[in-house]
Amino acid sequence: DELALDFPVLWASGRDGWASFDRDKRDRGVEDLFEAIMDRVDA
């Protein structure tokens, strides 16, 4: 459905330990992924 098609995309490297909404910013670790989980997944 439309909600599923409106998915957020994170660029990541599990080996290097980063996941970001901006593939050129790799200094925040996986903080963006934490925030995506909190925003996207309902309690």
All heavy atoms as atom14 arrays in JSON, in Angstrom:
{
  "sequence": "DELALDFPVLWASGRDGWASFDRDKRDRGVEDLFEAIMDRVDA",
  "atom14_mask": [
    [1, 1, 1, 1, 1, 1, 1, 1, 0, 0, 0, 0, 0, 0],
    [1, 1, 1, 1, 1, 1, 1, 1, 1, 0, 0, 0, 0, 0],
    [1, 1, 1, 1, 1, 1, 1, 1, 0, 0, 0, 0, 0, 0],
    [1, 1, 1, 1, 1, 0, 0, 0, 0, 0, 0, 0, 0, 0],
    [1, 1, 1, 1, 1, 1, 1, 1, 0, 0, 0, 0, 0, 0],
    [1, 1, 1, 1, 1, 1, 1, 1, 0, 0, 0, 0, 0, 0],
    [1, 1, 1, 1, 1, 1, 1, 1, 1, 1, 1, 0, 0, 0],
    [1, 1, 1, 1, 1, 1, 1, 0, 0, 0, 0, 0, 0, 0],
    [1, 1, 1, 1, 1, 1, 1, 0, 0, 0, 0, 0, 0, 0],
    [1, 1, 1, 1, 1, 1, 1, 1, 0, 0, 0, 0, 0, 0],
    [1, 1, 1, 1, 1, 1, 1, 1, 1, 1, 1, 1, 1, 1],
    [1, 1, 1, 1, 1, 0, 0, 0, 0, 0, 0, 0, 0, 0],
    [1, 1, 1, 1, 1, 1, 0, 0, 0, 0, 0, 0, 0, 0],
    [1, 1, 1, 1, 0, 0, 0, 0, 0, 0, 0, 0, 0, 0],
    [1, 1, 1, 1, 1, 1, 1, 1, 1, 1, 1, 0, 0, 0],
    [1, 1, 1, 1, 1, 1, 1, 1, 0, 0, 0, 0, 0, 0],
    [1, 1, 1, 1, 0, 0, 0, 0, 0, 0, 0, 0, 0, 0],
    [1, 1, 1, 1, 1, 1, 1, 1, 1, 1, 1, 1, 1, 1],
    [1, 1, 1, 1, 1, 0, 0, 0, 0, 0, 0, 0, 0, 0],
    [1, 1, 1, 1, 1, 1, 0, 0, 0, 0, 0, 0, 0, 0],
    [1, 1, 1, 1, 1, 1, 1, 1, 1, 1, 1, 0, 0, 0],
    [1, 1, 1, 1, 1, 1, 1, 1, 0, 0, 0, 0, 0, 0],
    [1, 1, 1, 1, 1, 1, 1, 1, 1, 1, 1, 0, 0, 0],
    [1, 1, 1, 1, 1, 1, 1, 1, 0, 0, 0, 0, 0, 0],
    [1, 1, 1, 1, 1, 1, 1, 1, 1, 0, 0, 0, 0, 0],
    [1, 1, 1, 1, 1, 1, 1, 1, 1, 1, 1, 0, 0, 0],
    [1, 1, 1, 1, 1, 1, 1, 1, 0, 0, 0, 0, 0, 0],
    [1, 1, 1, 1, 1, 1, 1, 1, 1, 1, 1, 0, 0, 0],
    [1, 1, 1, 1, 0, 0, 0, 0, 0, 0, 0, 0, 0, 0],
    [1, 1, 1, 1, 1, 1, 1, 0, 0, 0, 0, 0, 0, 0],
    [1, 1, 1, 1, 1, 1, 1, 1, 1, 0, 0, 0, 0, 0],
    [1, 1, 1, 1, 1, 1, 1, 1, 0, 0, 0, 0, 0, 0],
    [1, 1, 1, 1, 1, 1, 1, 1, 0, 0, 0, 0, 0, 0],
    [1, 1, 1, 1, 1, 1, 1, 1, 1, 1, 1, 0, 0, 0],
    [1, 1, 1, 1, 1, 1, 1, 1, 1, 0, 0, 0, 0, 0],
    [1, 1, 1, 1, 1, 0, 0, 0, 0, 0, 0, 0, 0, 0],
    [1, 1, 1, 1, 1, 1, 1, 1, 0, 0, 0, 0, 0, 0],
    [1, 1, 1, 1, 1, 1, 1, 1, 0, 0, 0, 0, 0, 0],
    [1, 1, 1, 1, 1, 1, 1, 1, 0, 0, 0, 0, 0, 0],
    [1, 1, 1, 1, 1, 1, 1, 1, 1, 1, 1, 0, 0, 0],
    [1, 1, 1, 1, 1, 1, 1, 0, 0, 0, 0, 0, 0, 0],
    [1, 1, 1, 1, 1, 1, 1, 1, 0, 0, 0, 0, 0, 0],
    [1, 1, 1, 1, 1, 0, 0, 0, 0, 0, 0, 0, 0, 0]
  ],
  "atom14_positions": [
    [[0.83, -1.2, 0.0], [0.0, 0.0, 0.0], [0.87, 1.25, 0.0], [2.11, 1.19, 0.01], [-0.95, 0.0, 1.2], [-0.21, -0.08, 2.53], [0.96, 0.35, 2.6], [-0.81, -0.56, 3.52], [0.0, 0.0, 0.0], [0.0, 0.0, 0.0], [0.0, 0.0, 0.0], [0.0, 0.0, 0.0], [0.0, 0.0, 0.0], [0.0, 0.0, 0.0]],
    [[0.24, 2.41, 0.0], [0.98, 3.68, -0.12], [1.88, 3.93, 1.08], [2.97, 4.49, 0.94], [0.0, 4.83, -0.29], [-0.76, 4.81, -1.63], [-1.65, 6.02, -1.79], [-1.63, 6.89, -0.89], [-2.34, 6.11, -2.82], [0.0, 0.0, 0.0], [0.0, 0.0, 0.0], [0.0, 0.0, 0.0], [0.0, 0.0, 0.0], [0.0, 0.0, 0.0]],
    [[1.44, 3.53, 2.27], [2.28, 3.72, 3.45], [3.56, 2.92, 3.36], [4.64, 3.39, 3.73], [1.49, 3.35, 4.71], [0.37, 4.29, 5.13], [-0.38, 3.73, 6.33], [0.92, 5.67, 5.45], [0.0, 0.0, 0.0], [0.0, 0.0, 0.0], [0.0, 0.0, 0.0], [0.0, 0.0, 0.0], [0.0, 0.0, 0.0], [0.0, 0.0, 0.0]],
    [[3.45, 1.68, 2.89], [4.64, 0.84, 2.75], [5.56, 1.36, 1.64], [6.79, 1.27, 1.76], [4.24, -0.61, 2.47], [0.0, 0.0, 0.0], [0.0, 0.0, 0.0], [0.0, 0.0, 0.0], [0.0, 0.0, 0.0], [0.0, 0.0, 0.0], [0.0, 0.0, 0.0], [0.0, 0.0, 0.0], [0.0, 0.0, 0.0], [0.0, 0.0, 0.0]],
    [[4.97, 1.91, 0.58], [5.78, 2.43, -0.53], [6.51, 3.72, -0.15], [7.53, 4.06, -0.77], [4.9, 2.67, -1.75], [4.34, 1.43, -2.44], [3.37, 1.81, -3.54], [5.47, 0.56, -2.99], [0.0, 0.0, 0.0], [0.0, 0.0, 0.0], [0.0, 0.0, 0.0], [0.0, 0.0, 0.0], [0.0, 0.0, 0.0], [0.0, 0.0, 0.0]],
    [[6.01, 4.4, 0.86], [6.67, 5.63, 1.32], [7.71, 5.28, 2.38], [7.67, 5.76, 3.51], [5.62, 6.59, 1.89], [6.22, 7.94, 2.25], [7.26, 8.3, 1.66], [5.66, 8.61, 3.14], [0.0, 0.0, 0.0], [0.0, 0.0, 0.0], [0.0, 0.0, 0.0], [0.0, 0.0, 0.0], [0.0, 0.0, 0.0], [0.0, 0.0, 0.0]],
    [[8.64, 4.43, 2.02], [9.6, 3.92, 3.0], [10.82, 4.84, 3.12], [11.27, 5.43, 2.14], [10.07, 2.51, 2.61], [10.63, 2.4, 1.21], [11.94, 2.73, 0.93], [9.82, 1.95, 0.17], [12.46, 2.61, -0.36], [10.32, 1.83, -1.13], [11.65, 2.16, -1.4], [0.0, 0.0, 0.0], [0.0, 0.0, 0.0], [0.0, 0.0, 0.0]],
    [[11.36, 4.97, 4.34], [12.62, 5.7, 4.51], [13.79, 4.84, 4.06], [13.73, 3.6, 4.14], [12.68, 5.97, 6.02], [11.87, 4.87, 6.62], [10.79, 4.54, 5.62], [0.0, 0.0, 0.0], [0.0, 0.0, 0.0], [0.0, 0.0, 0.0], [0.0, 0.0, 0.0], [0.0, 0.0, 0.0], [0.0, 0.0, 0.0], [0.0, 0.0, 0.0]],
    [[14.84, 5.46, 3.57], [16.02, 4.75, 3.1], [17.23, 5.21, 3.9], [17.48, 6.42, 4.04], [16.28, 4.99, 1.6], [17.54, 4.27, 1.15], [15.08, 4.52, 0.78], [0.0, 0.0, 0.0], [0.0, 0.0, 0.0], [0.0, 0.0, 0.0], [0.0, 0.0, 0.0], [0.0, 0.0, 0.0], [0.0, 0.0, 0.0], [0.0, 0.0, 0.0]],
    [[17.98, 4.25, 4.43], [19.22, 4.56, 5.12], [20.36, 3.86, 4.39], [20.23, 2.7, 3.97], [19.18, 4.11, 6.58], [18.26, 4.92, 7.48], [16.96, 4.17, 7.71], [18.93, 5.27, 8.8], [0.0, 0.0, 0.0], [0.0, 0.0, 0.0], [0.0, 0.0, 0.0], [0.0, 0.0, 0.0], [0.0, 0.0, 0.0], [0.0, 0.0, 0.0]],
    [[21.46, 4.58, 4.23], [22.66, 4.01, 3.62], [23.56, 3.56, 4.77], [23.74, 4.29, 5.75], [23.36, 5.06, 2.75], [22.39, 5.89, 1.95], [21.93, 7.13, 2.25], [21.73, 5.5, 0.74], [21.03, 7.56, 1.29], [20.89, 6.58, 0.36], [21.76, 4.36, -0.05], [20.1, 6.54, -0.78], [20.97, 4.32, -1.19], [20.16, 5.39, -1.56]],
    [[24.13, 2.36, 4.64], [24.81, 1.81, 5.81], [26.01, 0.96, 5.41], [26.14, 0.5, 4.27], [23.84, 0.96, 6.63], [0.0, 0.0, 0.0], [0.0, 0.0, 0.0], [0.0, 0.0, 0.0], [0.0, 0.0, 0.0], [0.0, 0.0, 0.0], [0.0, 0.0, 0.0], [0.0, 0.0, 0.0], [0.0, 0.0, 0.0], [0.0, 0.0, 0.0]],
    [[26.86, 0.75, 6.4], [27.93, -0.24, 6.34], [28.01, -0.87, 7.72], [28.5, -0.27, 8.67], [29.27, 0.41, 5.98], [30.32, -0.53, 6.14], [0.0, 0.0, 0.0], [0.0, 0.0, 0.0], [0.0, 0.0, 0.0], [0.0, 0.0, 0.0], [0.0, 0.0, 0.0], [0.0, 0.0, 0.0], [0.0, 0.0, 0.0], [0.0, 0.0, 0.0]],
    [[27.47, -2.08, 7.82], [27.47, -2.75, 9.12], [28.88, -3.01, 9.61], [29.15, -2.92, 10.82], [0.0, 0.0, 0.0], [0.0, 0.0, 0.0], [0.0, 0.0, 0.0], [0.0, 0.0, 0.0], [0.0, 0.0, 0.0], [0.0, 0.0, 0.0], [0.0, 0.0, 0.0], [0.0, 0.0, 0.0], [0.0, 0.0, 0.0], [0.0, 0.0, 0.0]],
    [[29.78, -3.31, 8.71], [31.16, -3.58, 9.12], [31.82, -2.33, 9.7], [32.54, -2.41, 10.71], [31.96, -4.08, 7.91], [33.39, -4.47, 8.24], [34.14, -4.89, 7.0], [34.27, -3.78, 6.04], [34.88, -3.88, 4.87], [35.39, -5.03, 4.49], [34.96, -2.84, 4.06], [0.0, 0.0, 0.0], [0.0, 0.0, 0.0], [0.0, 0.0, 0.0]],
    [[31.57, -1.18, 9.1], [32.19, 0.05, 9.58], [31.37, 0.73, 10.67], [31.82, 1.71, 11.28], [32.38, 1.03, 8.4], [33.37, 0.5, 7.38], [34.16, -0.4, 7.74], [33.33, 0.95, 6.22], [0.0, 0.0, 0.0], [0.0, 0.0, 0.0], [0.0, 0.0, 0.0], [0.0, 0.0, 0.0], [0.0, 0.0, 0.0], [0.0, 0.0, 0.0]],
    [[30.13, 0.27, 10.89], [29.35, 0.76, 12.02], [28.64, 2.08, 11.8], [28.54, 2.88, 12.73], [0.0, 0.0, 0.0], [0.0, 0.0, 0.0], [0.0, 0.0, 0.0], [0.0, 0.0, 0.0], [0.0, 0.0, 0.0], [0.0, 0.0, 0.0], [0.0, 0.0, 0.0], [0.0, 0.0, 0.0], [0.0, 0.0, 0.0], [0.0, 0.0, 0.0]],
    [[28.12, 2.33, 10.6], [27.36, 3.56, 10.4], [26.12, 3.28, 9.55], [26.09, 2.38, 8.73], [28.22, 4.65, 9.73], [28.76, 4.31, 8.38], [29.95, 3.71, 8.09], [28.13, 4.55, 7.1], [30.11, 3.54, 6.74], [29.01, 4.06, 6.1], [26.93, 5.13, 6.71], [28.72, 4.13, 4.76], [26.63, 5.19, 5.36], [27.52, 4.71, 4.4]],
    [[25.09, 4.05, 9.78], [23.85, 4.02, 9.0], [23.28, 5.43, 9.02], [23.02, 5.98, 10.09], [22.85, 3.02, 9.59], [0.0, 0.0, 0.0], [0.0, 0.0, 0.0], [0.0, 0.0, 0.0], [0.0, 0.0, 0.0], [0.0, 0.0, 0.0], [0.0, 0.0, 0.0], [0.0, 0.0, 0.0], [0.0, 0.0, 0.0], [0.0, 0.0, 0.0]],
    [[23.09, 6.01, 7.84], [22.75, 7.43, 7.77], [21.75, 7.7, 6.65], [21.7, 6.98, 5.65], [24.03, 8.25, 7.54], [23.73, 9.6, 7.31], [0.0, 0.0, 0.0], [0.0, 0.0, 0.0], [0.0, 0.0, 0.0], [0.0, 0.0, 0.0], [0.0, 0.0, 0.0], [0.0, 0.0, 0.0], [0.0, 0.0, 0.0], [0.0, 0.0, 0.0]],
    [[20.95, 8.76, 6.86], [20.06, 9.23, 5.79], [20.86, 9.89, 4.67], [20.39, 10.0, 3.54], [19.03, 10.22, 6.34], [17.98, 9.57, 7.21], [17.9, 9.86, 8.56], [17.09, 8.66, 6.68], [16.94, 9.27, 9.36], [16.11, 8.06, 7.46], [16.04, 8.37, 8.81], [0.0, 0.0, 0.0], [0.0, 0.0, 0.0], [0.0, 0.0, 0.0]],
    [[22.05, 10.36, 4.98], [22.93, 10.99, 4.02], [24.16, 10.11, 3.86], [24.94, 9.94, 4.8], [23.34, 12.39, 4.5], [24.15, 13.16, 3.48], [24.69, 12.53, 2.54], [24.25, 14.4, 3.61], [0.0, 0.0, 0.0], [0.0, 0.0, 0.0], [0.0, 0.0, 0.0], [0.0, 0.0, 0.0], [0.0, 0.0, 0.0], [0.0, 0.0, 0.0]],
    [[24.35, 9.55, 2.67], [25.44, 8.58, 2.5], [26.82, 9.2, 2.65], [27.82, 8.48, 2.79], [25.31, 7.91, 1.14], [25.71, 8.76, -0.05], [25.52, 8.03, -1.36], [24.12, 7.91, -1.72], [23.7, 7.42, -2.87], [24.56, 6.97, -3.76], [22.41, 7.35, -3.15], [0.0, 0.0, 0.0], [0.0, 0.0, 0.0], [0.0, 0.0, 0.0]],
    [[26.9, 10.53, 2.61], [28.2, 11.19, 2.75], [28.53, 11.53, 4.2], [29.63, 11.96, 4.51], [28.23, 12.47, 1.91], [28.12, 12.18, 0.42], [28.68, 11.16, -0.02], [27.46, 12.97, -0.29], [0.0, 0.0, 0.0], [0.0, 0.0, 0.0], [0.0, 0.0, 0.0], [0.0, 0.0, 0.0], [0.0, 0.0, 0.0], [0.0, 0.0, 0.0]],
    [[27.56, 11.34, 5.11], [27.79, 11.63, 6.53], [27.85, 10.31, 7.29], [26.84, 9.62, 7.44], [26.67, 12.51, 7.09], [26.67, 13.91, 6.51], [25.6, 14.78, 7.17], [25.62, 16.2, 6.61], [24.58, 17.06, 7.24], [0.0, 0.0, 0.0], [0.0, 0.0, 0.0], [0.0, 0.0, 0.0], [0.0, 0.0, 0.0], [0.0, 0.0, 0.0]],
    [[29.04, 9.99, 7.74], [29.25, 8.69, 8.36], [29.82, 8.8, 9.77], [30.41, 7.85, 10.28], [30.19, 7.86, 7.48], [29.74, 7.77, 6.03], [30.68, 6.95, 5.17], [30.18, 6.84, 3.79], [30.77, 6.12, 2.85], [31.87, 5.44, 3.14], [30.25, 6.06, 1.64], [0.0, 0.0, 0.0], [0.0, 0.0, 0.0], [0.0, 0.0, 0.0]],
    [[29.64, 9.96, 10.39], [30.27, 10.2, 11.69], [29.3, 10.07, 12.87], [29.68, 10.32, 14.0], [30.91, 11.59, 11.71], [29.91, 12.69, 11.39], [28.79, 12.36, 10.95], [30.25, 13.88, 11.58], [0.0, 0.0, 0.0], [0.0, 0.0, 0.0], [0.0, 0.0, 0.0], [0.0, 0.0, 0.0], [0.0, 0.0, 0.0], [0.0, 0.0, 0.0]],
    [[28.05, 9.67, 12.6], [27.07, 9.58, 13.69], [26.75, 8.13, 14.06], [25.79, 7.87, 14.79], [25.77, 10.29, 13.29], [25.93, 11.77, 13.01], [24.57, 12.41, 12.79], [23.77, 12.4, 14.02], [22.45, 12.2, 14.05], [21.8, 11.93, 12.93], [21.79, 12.24, 15.19], [0.0, 0.0, 0.0], [0.0, 0.0, 0.0], [0.0, 0.0, 0.0]],
    [[27.54, 7.18, 13.56], [27.25, 5.79, 13.85], [25.9, 5.39, 13.26], [25.59, 5.7, 12.12], [0.0, 0.0, 0.0], [0.0, 0.0, 0.0], [0.0, 0.0, 0.0], [0.0, 0.0, 0.0], [0.0, 0.0, 0.0], [0.0, 0.0, 0.0], [0.0, 0.0, 0.0], [0.0, 0.0, 0.0], [0.0, 0.0, 0.0], [0.0, 0.0, 0.0]],
    [[25.07, 4.7, 14.07], [23.75, 4.26, 13.6], [22.65, 5.09, 14.25], [21.51, 4.64, 14.37], [23.53, 2.75, 13.88], [24.5, 1.91, 13.08], [23.67, 2.45, 15.37], [0.0, 0.0, 0.0], [0.0, 0.0, 0.0], [0.0, 0.0, 0.0], [0.0, 0.0, 0.0], [0.0, 0.0, 0.0], [0.0, 0.0, 0.0], [0.0, 0.0, 0.0]],
    [[22.98, 6.31, 14.64], [22.0, 7.17, 15.31], [20.78, 7.42, 14.44], [19.63, 7.42, 14.93], [22.66, 8.5, 15.7], [21.82, 9.36, 16.63], [21.65, 8.76, 18.01], [22.51, 7.95, 18.42], [20.66, 9.09, 18.69], [0.0, 0.0, 0.0], [0.0, 0.0, 0.0], [0.0, 0.0, 0.0], [0.0, 0.0, 0.0], [0.0, 0.0, 0.0]],
    [[20.99, 7.62, 13.14], [19.85, 7.83, 12.24], [18.93, 6.62, 12.19], [17.71, 6.75, 12.08], [20.35, 8.17, 10.84], [20.88, 9.6, 10.73], [20.79, 10.32, 11.74], [21.37, 9.96, 9.65], [0.0, 0.0, 0.0], [0.0, 0.0, 0.0], [0.0, 0.0, 0.0], [0.0, 0.0, 0.0], [0.0, 0.0, 0.0], [0.0, 0.0, 0.0]],
    [[19.51, 5.43, 12.27], [18.71, 4.22, 12.26], [17.9, 4.08, 13.55], [16.73, 3.69, 13.52], [19.6, 3.0, 12.05], [18.89, 1.64, 11.92], [17.8, 1.69, 10.87], [19.9, 0.54, 11.59], [0.0, 0.0, 0.0], [0.0, 0.0, 0.0], [0.0, 0.0, 0.0], [0.0, 0.0, 0.0], [0.0, 0.0, 0.0], [0.0, 0.0, 0.0]],
    [[18.51, 4.43, 14.68], [17.75, 4.46, 15.93], [16.53, 5.37, 15.8], [15.41, 5.02, 16.18], [18.64, 4.97, 17.08], [19.62, 3.96, 17.6], [20.93, 4.32, 17.87], [19.24, 2.65, 17.85], [21.84, 3.42, 18.36], [20.14, 1.73, 18.35], [21.45, 2.11, 18.59], [0.0, 0.0, 0.0], [0.0, 0.0, 0.0], [0.0, 0.0, 0.0]],
    [[16.77, 6.57, 15.26], [15.67, 7.53, 15.13], [14.6, 7.04, 14.15], [13.41, 7.26, 14.36], [16.24, 8.88, 14.67], [17.15, 9.53, 15.72], [17.79, 10.8, 15.21], [17.53, 11.17, 14.04], [18.56, 11.43, 15.97], [0.0, 0.0, 0.0], [0.0, 0.0, 0.0], [0.0, 0.0, 0.0], [0.0, 0.0, 0.0], [0.0, 0.0, 0.0]],
    [[15.02, 6.37, 13.07], [14.05, 5.84, 12.1], [13.17, 4.79, 12.76], [11.95, 4.73, 12.52], [14.77, 5.26, 10.89], [0.0, 0.0, 0.0], [0.0, 0.0, 0.0], [0.0, 0.0, 0.0], [0.0, 0.0, 0.0], [0.0, 0.0, 0.0], [0.0, 0.0, 0.0], [0.0, 0.0, 0.0], [0.0, 0.0, 0.0], [0.0, 0.0, 0.0]],
    [[13.76, 3.95, 13.6], [12.97, 2.92, 14.29], [11.96, 3.58, 15.23], [10.79, 3.19, 15.27], [13.91, 1.98, 15.07], [14.76, 1.16, 14.12], [13.1, 1.05, 15.99], [15.84, 0.34, 14.79], [0.0, 0.0, 0.0], [0.0, 0.0, 0.0], [0.0, 0.0, 0.0], [0.0, 0.0, 0.0], [0.0, 0.0, 0.0], [0.0, 0.0, 0.0]],
    [[12.39, 4.58, 15.97], [11.5, 5.25, 16.92], [10.36, 5.97, 16.19], [9.22, 6.0, 16.67], [12.29, 6.23, 17.77], [13.41, 5.59, 18.61], [12.81, 4.31, 19.73], [11.89, 5.31, 20.86], [0.0, 0.0, 0.0], [0.0, 0.0, 0.0], [0.0, 0.0, 0.0], [0.0, 0.0, 0.0], [0.0, 0.0, 0.0], [0.0, 0.0, 0.0]],
    [[10.66, 6.56, 15.03], [9.65, 7.33, 14.3], [8.71, 6.43, 13.48], [7.52, 6.71, 13.37], [10.32, 8.34, 13.37], [11.07, 9.42, 14.13], [10.75, 9.62, 15.32], [11.97, 10.04, 13.54], [0.0, 0.0, 0.0], [0.0, 0.0, 0.0], [0.0, 0.0, 0.0], [0.0, 0.0, 0.0], [0.0, 0.0, 0.0], [0.0, 0.0, 0.0]],
    [[9.26, 5.38, 12.9], [8.51, 4.58, 11.93], [7.73, 3.42, 12.57], [6.65, 3.07, 12.1], [9.5, 4.02, 10.89], [8.87, 3.22, 9.77], [8.19, 4.09, 8.76], [7.75, 3.33, 7.58], [7.14, 3.85, 6.54], [6.9, 5.14, 6.49], [6.77, 3.09, 5.52], [0.0, 0.0, 0.0], [0.0, 0.0, 0.0], [0.0, 0.0, 0.0]],
    [[8.28, 2.85, 13.63], [7.65, 1.69, 14.26], [6.79, 2.16, 15.42], [7.29, 2.77, 16.38], [8.7, 0.67, 14.75], [8.01, -0.54, 15.37], [9.6, 0.24, 13.59], [0.0, 0.0, 0.0], [0.0, 0.0, 0.0], [0.0, 0.0, 0.0], [0.0, 0.0, 0.0], [0.0, 0.0, 0.0], [0.0, 0.0, 0.0], [0.0, 0.0, 0.0]],
    [[5.51, 1.89, 15.35], [4.59, 2.31, 16.41], [4.8, 1.47, 17.66], [5.12, 0.28, 17.6], [3.14, 2.16, 15.95], [2.81, 3.08, 14.78], [3.41, 4.17, 14.72], [1.97, 2.7, 13.94], [0.0, 0.0, 0.0], [0.0, 0.0, 0.0], [0.0, 0.0, 0.0], [0.0, 0.0, 0.0], [0.0, 0.0, 0.0], [0.0, 0.0, 0.0]],
    [[4.6, 2.11, 18.8], [4.65, 1.37, 20.07], [3.45, 0.42, 20.15], [2.41, 0.67, 19.55], [4.62, 2.35, 21.24], [0.0, 0.0, 0.0], [0.0, 0.0, 0.0], [0.0, 0.0, 0.0], [0.0, 0.0, 0.0], [0.0, 0.0, 0.0], [0.0, 0.0, 0.0], [0.0, 0.0, 0.0], [0.0, 0.0, 0.0], [0.0, 0.0, 0.0]]
  ]
}
